[in-house]
Amino acid sequence: MYNIVILDSHSLGEDFEISEFDSLGKVIQYGTTLPEEVEERIKGQDIILTNKVVLNASNLKNAHQLKFIGILATGTNNVDLEYCKNNNIAVTNVAGYSTNSVAQHTFAMLFYVLENLAYYDHYVKSGNYAKSSTFNHIGKRYSELEGKTWGIIGLGTIGKRVAGIAEAFSCRVIYYSSSGVNDYPLYERVELDELLEQSDIISIHSPLTELTKGLIGKKELMQMKESAILLNLGRGGIINEEDLAVALENNRIEAAALDVLEHEPIKEDNPLLRIKDSGKLFITPHIAWGSLEARRRLLAETVINIKAFEENIMRNRVEIFG
């Protein structure tokens, strides 16, 4: 039986169930773990499970029993993989568990701003609709998706799912490959300038790399249509937030919807907080990945990863001592 510590269970939701880990060993759960608390909390542990807590040579050096790190996410940038390799610590992540969830949230955010849903909900609940002399109220216009050009930055697994749904709404789909190596024949690949100029909706599904950091700034926002809607479900650092705030304040683009920010949680002085109209700027707190079903898949796959690791250890023991 293993000693297992979960360092940031609150990031997985208050309804996150850890009972499936109980059969694997003794489980200690922390809702959050500050950087200065990591070293002490992982001492004597065989398995660390974490979503976003940073694990590196500095805090891992005294975790002498550590055998396995299970990242409760897809990205691995919070773990020093080289250190783990050199110290025989297995590291696993979970890929693909959130594809449906992120794609669905992409469209939820789009429709919120595209159809001015905040405005219409307020119109009814404010009492104005009850006072109306007509059965309807078209105070703000909205458009159909059919015939629109949807530009995708980052045509990975999630980007492809979004592209397929956009096609179902009869959109023309184009994409930009930031690495320059992605070539997917079902959709038209274009340069970034072309995508910005042609797209009615732009959705970002890229990881944050040296090639994507600050990819969308003042110059790029000026290239977009004034009627364009910008969606970011990749990483916050891809968009310059001050430049986006200025573009929205000056009606340079129609609207933006973001699930990710450069600093999370958001800083109190973030320039985007100047935009009070949620129909112009809609922000959710990095939840696109977190549907109930996605979190269940994440948990199940993590358990499978631990059991596969255990089976591999037993297999090697048989080979050595059998």
Protein backbone atom coordinates (compact mmCIF):
# COMPACT_ATOMS: atom_id res chain seq x y z
CA MET A 1 0.00 0.00 0.00
CA TYR A 2 1.22 3.45 -0.89
CA ASN A 3 1.35 6.72 0.99
CA ILE A 4 -0.52 9.11 -1.31
CA VAL A 5 -0.83 12.88 -1.02
CA ILE A 6 -3.16 15.10 -3.04
CA LEU A 7 -1.78 18.64 -2.92
CA ASP A 8 -4.56 20.76 -4.46
CA SER A 9 -7.87 18.94 -4.48
CA HIS A 10 -9.88 22.20 -4.42
CA SER A 11 -8.73 22.90 -7.97
CA LEU A 12 -10.76 19.87 -9.00
CA GLY A 13 -13.99 21.11 -7.41
CA GLU A 14 -15.57 20.82 -4.01
CA ASP A 15 -17.47 17.75 -5.21
CA PHE A 16 -14.28 15.92 -6.22
CA GLU A 17 -14.35 12.34 -4.90
CA ILE A 18 -11.07 10.71 -3.83
CA SER A 19 -12.56 7.42 -2.62
CA GLU A 20 -11.20 5.55 -5.66
CA PHE A 21 -7.67 6.22 -4.41
CA ASP A 22 -8.40 4.61 -1.03
CA SER A 23 -7.88 1.11 -2.44
CA LEU A 24 -4.37 2.10 -3.50
CA GLY A 25 -3.11 3.25 -0.13
CA LYS A 26 -3.32 5.78 2.68
CA VAL A 27 -4.51 9.11 1.24
CA ILE A 28 -3.84 12.58 2.67
CA GLN A 29 -5.73 15.40 0.98
CA TYR A 30 -4.96 19.11 0.98
CA GLY A 31 -7.34 21.58 -0.63
CA THR A 32 -4.50 23.94 -1.52
CA THR A 33 -0.75 23.89 -1.01
CA LEU A 34 1.42 27.00 -0.95
CA PRO A 35 4.94 26.81 -2.45
CA GLU A 36 6.53 26.96 1.00
CA GLU A 37 4.38 24.03 2.19
CA VAL A 38 5.24 21.57 -0.59
CA GLU A 39 8.51 20.15 0.75
CA GLU A 40 7.10 19.23 4.15
CA ARG A 41 3.85 17.77 2.78
CA ILE A 42 5.53 15.40 0.33
CA LYS A 43 8.06 13.92 2.78
CA GLY A 44 7.43 10.22 3.32
CA GLN A 45 5.01 10.01 0.39
CA ASP A 46 5.22 7.38 -2.35
CA ILE A 47 2.76 9.09 -4.69
CA ILE A 48 2.01 12.76 -5.29
CA LEU A 49 -1.15 13.79 -7.09
CA THR A 50 -1.42 17.40 -8.18
CA ASN A 51 -3.10 19.63 -10.70
CA LYS A 52 -1.02 22.81 -10.69
CA VAL A 53 1.39 22.74 -7.73
CA VAL A 54 4.96 23.24 -8.96
CA LEU A 55 7.28 20.30 -8.22
CA ASN A 56 10.99 20.83 -8.83
CA ALA A 57 14.44 19.88 -7.60
CA SER A 58 14.18 22.35 -4.73
CA ASN A 59 11.11 20.80 -3.10
CA LEU A 60 11.54 17.20 -4.30
CA LYS A 61 15.09 16.69 -3.01
CA ASN A 62 14.00 15.36 0.39
CA ALA A 63 11.11 13.22 -0.85
CA HIS A 64 13.22 10.08 -0.63
CA GLN A 65 10.31 7.62 -0.84
CA LEU A 66 8.72 9.27 -3.87
CA LYS A 67 8.07 6.87 -6.73
CA PHE A 68 5.27 8.42 -8.77
CA ILE A 69 3.81 11.84 -9.63
CA GLY A 70 0.34 11.85 -11.15
CA ILE A 71 -0.48 15.14 -12.83
CA LEU A 72 -4.24 15.67 -12.66
CA ALA A 73 -4.20 17.56 -15.94
CA THR A 74 -2.83 17.38 -19.47
CA GLY A 75 0.00 19.91 -19.20
CA THR A 76 3.27 18.84 -17.57
CA ASN A 77 5.00 22.21 -17.25
CA ASN A 78 4.53 22.32 -13.46
CA VAL A 79 6.82 19.30 -12.93
CA ASP A 80 10.60 19.17 -13.44
CA LEU A 81 10.62 16.17 -15.74
CA GLU A 82 14.40 16.06 -16.07
CA TYR A 83 14.86 15.85 -12.31
CA CYS A 84 12.25 13.09 -12.10
CA LYS A 85 13.91 11.13 -14.90
CA ASN A 86 17.29 11.35 -13.22
CA ASN A 87 15.83 10.21 -9.89
CA ASN A 88 13.65 7.34 -11.17
CA ILE A 89 10.38 9.09 -10.40
CA ALA A 90 7.60 8.13 -12.81
CA VAL A 91 5.42 11.00 -14.05
CA THR A 92 2.09 10.65 -15.82
CA ASN A 93 -0.52 13.08 -17.07
CA VAL A 94 -4.01 12.57 -18.54
CA ALA A 95 -4.53 13.59 -22.14
CA GLY A 96 -7.84 14.03 -23.91
CA TYR A 97 -10.13 13.86 -20.88
CA SER A 98 -11.42 17.44 -21.33
CA THR A 99 -11.88 17.66 -25.10
CA ASN A 100 -15.68 17.55 -25.02
CA SER A 101 -15.86 19.87 -22.04
CA VAL A 102 -13.64 22.57 -23.55
CA ALA A 103 -15.32 22.39 -26.95
CA GLN A 104 -18.74 22.74 -25.32
CA HIS A 105 -17.60 25.70 -23.22
CA THR A 106 -16.18 27.35 -26.32
CA PHE A 107 -19.64 27.48 -27.85
CA ALA A 108 -21.33 28.41 -24.56
CA MET A 109 -19.08 31.46 -24.35
CA LEU A 110 -19.58 32.31 -28.00
CA PHE A 111 -23.37 32.26 -27.81
CA TYR A 112 -23.34 34.33 -24.62
CA VAL A 113 -21.67 37.24 -26.43
CA LEU A 114 -22.91 36.55 -29.97
CA GLU A 115 -26.58 36.64 -28.98
CA ASN A 116 -26.22 39.34 -26.30
CA LEU A 117 -27.75 37.01 -23.75
CA ALA A 118 -26.73 39.14 -20.76
CA TYR A 119 -28.62 42.10 -22.21
CA TYR A 120 -31.81 40.14 -22.91
CA ASP A 121 -31.81 38.38 -19.55
CA HIS A 122 -31.45 41.74 -17.80
CA TYR A 123 -34.21 43.25 -19.95
CA VAL A 124 -36.67 40.63 -18.72
CA LYS A 125 -35.59 40.51 -15.07
CA SER A 126 -35.38 44.29 -14.70
CA GLY A 127 -39.13 44.51 -15.28
CA ASN A 128 -38.85 46.27 -18.63
CA TYR A 129 -40.36 43.34 -20.52
CA ALA A 130 -43.39 43.30 -18.19
CA LYS A 131 -44.00 46.94 -19.08
CA SER A 132 -43.65 46.35 -22.82
CA SER A 133 -46.57 46.90 -25.20
CA THR A 134 -45.25 44.25 -27.62
CA PHE A 135 -44.63 40.54 -27.29
CA ASN A 136 -40.94 40.84 -28.17
CA HIS A 137 -37.98 43.19 -27.84
CA ILE A 138 -35.07 43.27 -30.26
CA GLY A 139 -32.86 45.80 -28.51
CA LYS A 140 -29.57 44.36 -29.71
CA ARG A 141 -29.03 42.53 -32.95
CA TYR A 142 -27.35 39.16 -33.26
CA SER A 143 -26.22 37.08 -36.21
CA GLU A 144 -26.36 33.46 -37.28
CA LEU A 145 -23.22 31.36 -37.53
CA GLU A 146 -24.09 30.02 -40.96
CA GLY A 147 -21.74 31.40 -43.57
CA LYS A 148 -19.31 32.86 -41.05
CA THR A 149 -15.57 32.16 -41.14
CA TRP A 150 -14.27 30.52 -37.98
CA GLY A 151 -10.51 30.83 -37.46
CA ILE A 152 -8.79 28.43 -35.09
CA ILE A 153 -5.38 29.04 -33.57
CA GLY A 154 -4.15 25.64 -32.45
CA LEU A 155 -5.73 22.76 -34.34
CA GLY A 156 -4.99 20.02 -31.84
CA THR A 157 -7.53 17.58 -30.42
CA ILE A 158 -9.73 20.33 -28.95
CA GLY A 159 -9.31 22.60 -31.97
CA LYS A 160 -10.44 19.80 -34.28
CA ARG A 161 -13.52 19.12 -32.14
CA VAL A 162 -14.41 22.82 -32.24
CA ALA A 163 -13.86 22.84 -36.00
CA GLY A 164 -16.27 19.94 -36.47
CA ILE A 165 -18.99 21.65 -34.45
CA ALA A 166 -18.43 24.92 -36.30
CA GLU A 167 -18.87 23.03 -39.57
CA ALA A 168 -22.16 21.66 -38.27
CA PHE A 169 -23.30 25.30 -38.01
CA SER A 170 -22.23 25.73 -41.65
CA CYS A 171 -19.15 27.81 -40.87
CA ARG A 172 -16.10 27.94 -43.08
CA VAL A 173 -13.17 26.78 -40.94
CA ILE A 174 -9.58 27.97 -41.35
CA TYR A 175 -6.64 27.51 -38.99
CA TYR A 176 -3.18 28.77 -38.13
CA SER A 177 -0.37 26.50 -36.97
CA SER A 178 1.90 28.40 -34.59
CA SER A 179 4.55 25.66 -34.81
CA GLY A 180 4.36 25.60 -38.59
CA VAL A 181 4.30 21.79 -38.64
CA ASN A 182 0.59 21.02 -38.22
CA ASP A 183 -0.93 20.19 -41.58
CA TYR A 184 -4.51 18.90 -41.41
CA PRO A 185 -6.03 18.46 -44.87
CA LEU A 186 -9.71 18.73 -43.85
CA TYR A 187 -9.35 22.47 -43.19
CA GLU A 188 -7.54 25.32 -44.89
CA ARG A 189 -4.29 26.29 -43.26
CA VAL A 190 -3.47 30.01 -43.48
CA GLU A 191 -0.93 32.44 -42.10
CA LEU A 192 -1.86 34.39 -38.98
CA ASP A 193 -2.42 37.64 -40.88
CA GLU A 194 -4.91 35.93 -43.19
CA LEU A 195 -6.75 34.30 -40.30
CA LEU A 196 -7.10 37.58 -38.44
CA GLU A 197 -8.35 39.46 -41.49
CA GLN A 198 -10.81 36.83 -42.68
CA SER A 199 -12.34 35.41 -39.50
CA ASP A 200 -15.64 36.40 -37.92
CA ILE A 201 -14.89 34.23 -34.90
CA ILE A 202 -11.38 33.41 -33.70
CA SER A 203 -10.88 30.74 -31.05
CA ILE A 204 -7.53 29.97 -29.44
CA HIS A 205 -6.75 26.42 -28.34
CA SER A 206 -2.95 26.52 -28.28
CA PRO A 207 -0.57 25.80 -25.42
CA LEU A 208 1.64 28.62 -24.17
CA THR A 209 5.05 28.35 -25.84
CA GLU A 210 7.77 30.70 -26.98
CA LEU A 211 5.94 30.87 -30.30
CA THR A 212 2.51 31.70 -28.86
CA LYS A 213 3.37 33.97 -25.91
CA GLY A 214 2.02 37.44 -26.76
CA LEU A 215 0.82 36.18 -30.13
CA ILE A 216 -2.23 38.47 -30.08
CA GLY A 217 -1.40 42.10 -29.31
CA LYS A 218 -2.23 45.57 -30.59
CA LYS A 219 -1.07 44.90 -34.16
CA GLU A 220 -3.04 41.66 -34.43
CA LEU A 221 -6.19 43.13 -32.87
CA MET A 222 -6.07 45.97 -35.41
CA GLN A 223 -6.05 43.39 -38.21
CA MET A 224 -9.28 41.79 -37.04
CA LYS A 225 -12.73 42.72 -38.29
CA GLU A 226 -14.58 45.23 -36.12
CA SER A 227 -17.39 42.67 -35.95
CA ALA A 228 -15.06 39.84 -34.85
CA ILE A 229 -15.44 37.84 -31.66
CA LEU A 230 -12.26 36.57 -29.98
CA LEU A 231 -12.33 33.46 -27.76
CA ASN A 232 -9.39 32.24 -25.70
CA LEU A 233 -9.54 28.73 -24.25
CA GLY A 234 -5.83 28.05 -24.64
CA ARG A 235 -3.57 29.97 -22.28
CA GLY A 236 -3.84 33.52 -20.98
CA GLY A 237 -0.36 34.66 -21.97
CA ILE A 238 -1.22 34.25 -25.64
CA ILE A 239 -3.17 37.52 -25.58
CA ASN A 240 -1.78 40.86 -24.39
CA GLU A 241 -4.50 41.79 -21.90
CA GLU A 242 -3.87 45.54 -21.88
CA ASP A 243 -4.05 45.64 -25.66
CA LEU A 244 -7.28 43.64 -25.60
CA ALA A 245 -8.82 45.97 -23.03
CA VAL A 246 -8.00 49.01 -25.17
CA ALA A 247 -9.37 47.32 -28.30
CA LEU A 248 -12.66 46.56 -26.55
CA GLU A 249 -12.92 50.04 -25.03
CA ASN A 250 -12.49 51.54 -28.50
CA ASN A 251 -14.88 49.06 -30.18
CA ARG A 252 -12.03 47.80 -32.32
CA ILE A 253 -13.53 44.32 -32.12
CA GLU A 254 -17.09 43.30 -31.25
CA ALA A 255 -16.47 41.16 -28.20
CA ALA A 256 -14.16 38.72 -26.43
CA ALA A 257 -14.71 35.73 -24.17
CA LEU A 258 -11.90 34.29 -22.06
CA ASP A 259 -11.59 31.23 -19.87
CA VAL A 260 -7.86 31.74 -19.25
CA LEU A 261 -5.80 34.70 -18.04
CA GLU A 262 -2.11 35.49 -17.82
CA HIS A 263 -2.24 35.36 -14.01
CA GLU A 264 -4.69 33.00 -12.31
CA PRO A 265 -6.48 33.88 -10.15
CA ILE A 266 -6.94 37.26 -11.82
CA LYS A 267 -5.01 40.16 -10.30
CA GLU A 268 -7.03 43.05 -8.93
CA ASP A 269 -5.29 45.50 -11.28
CA ASN A 270 -5.91 43.43 -14.42
CA PRO A 271 -6.86 45.92 -17.19
CA LEU A 272 -9.66 43.66 -18.37
CA LEU A 273 -11.59 44.44 -15.18
CA ARG A 274 -12.17 47.91 -16.61
CA ILE A 275 -14.66 46.33 -19.04
CA LYS A 276 -17.91 46.09 -17.07
CA ASP A 277 -20.18 45.10 -19.98
CA SER A 278 -20.28 41.30 -19.93
CA GLY A 279 -21.77 41.35 -23.41
CA LYS A 280 -18.53 42.88 -24.64
CA LEU A 281 -16.17 40.89 -22.43
CA PHE A 282 -17.17 37.61 -20.79
CA ILE A 283 -14.68 35.88 -18.47
CA THR A 284 -14.95 32.53 -16.71
CA PRO A 285 -12.39 31.36 -14.09
CA HIS A 286 -10.58 28.60 -16.00
CA ILE A 287 -13.48 26.15 -15.88
CA ALA A 288 -13.76 24.98 -19.51
CA TRP A 289 -12.01 21.69 -18.73
CA GLY A 290 -14.04 20.95 -15.63
CA SER A 291 -17.37 19.40 -16.56
CA LEU A 292 -18.53 16.67 -14.19
CA GLU A 293 -17.87 14.03 -16.83
CA ALA A 294 -14.39 15.37 -17.63
CA ARG A 295 -13.38 15.33 -13.96
CA ARG A 296 -14.65 11.77 -13.63
CA ARG A 297 -12.58 10.75 -16.66
CA LEU A 298 -9.56 12.50 -15.15
CA LEU A 299 -9.95 10.61 -11.89
CA ALA A 300 -10.49 7.26 -13.60
CA GLU A 301 -7.48 7.68 -15.90
CA THR A 302 -5.26 8.68 -12.98
CA VAL A 303 -6.22 5.51 -11.12
CA ILE A 304 -5.41 3.50 -14.25
CA ASN A 305 -2.02 5.23 -14.49
CA ILE A 306 -1.17 4.33 -10.90
CA LYS A 307 -2.21 0.71 -11.37
CA ALA A 308 -0.19 0.46 -14.59
CA PHE A 309 2.82 1.85 -12.73
CA GLU A 310 2.32 -0.71 -9.94
CA GLU A 311 2.00 -3.56 -12.44
CA ASN A 312 5.20 -2.42 -14.15
CA ILE A 313 7.07 -2.51 -10.83
CA MET A 314 5.81 -6.03 -10.10
CA ARG A 315 6.73 -7.18 -13.61
CA ASN A 316 10.28 -5.87 -13.18
CA ARG A 317 10.58 -7.57 -9.81
CA VAL A 318 9.57 -10.88 -11.37
CA GLU A 319 12.12 -10.40 -14.16
CA ILE A 320 14.88 -9.60 -11.66
CA PHE A 321 14.12 -12.06 -8.86
CA GLY A 322 11.98 -14.68 -10.53
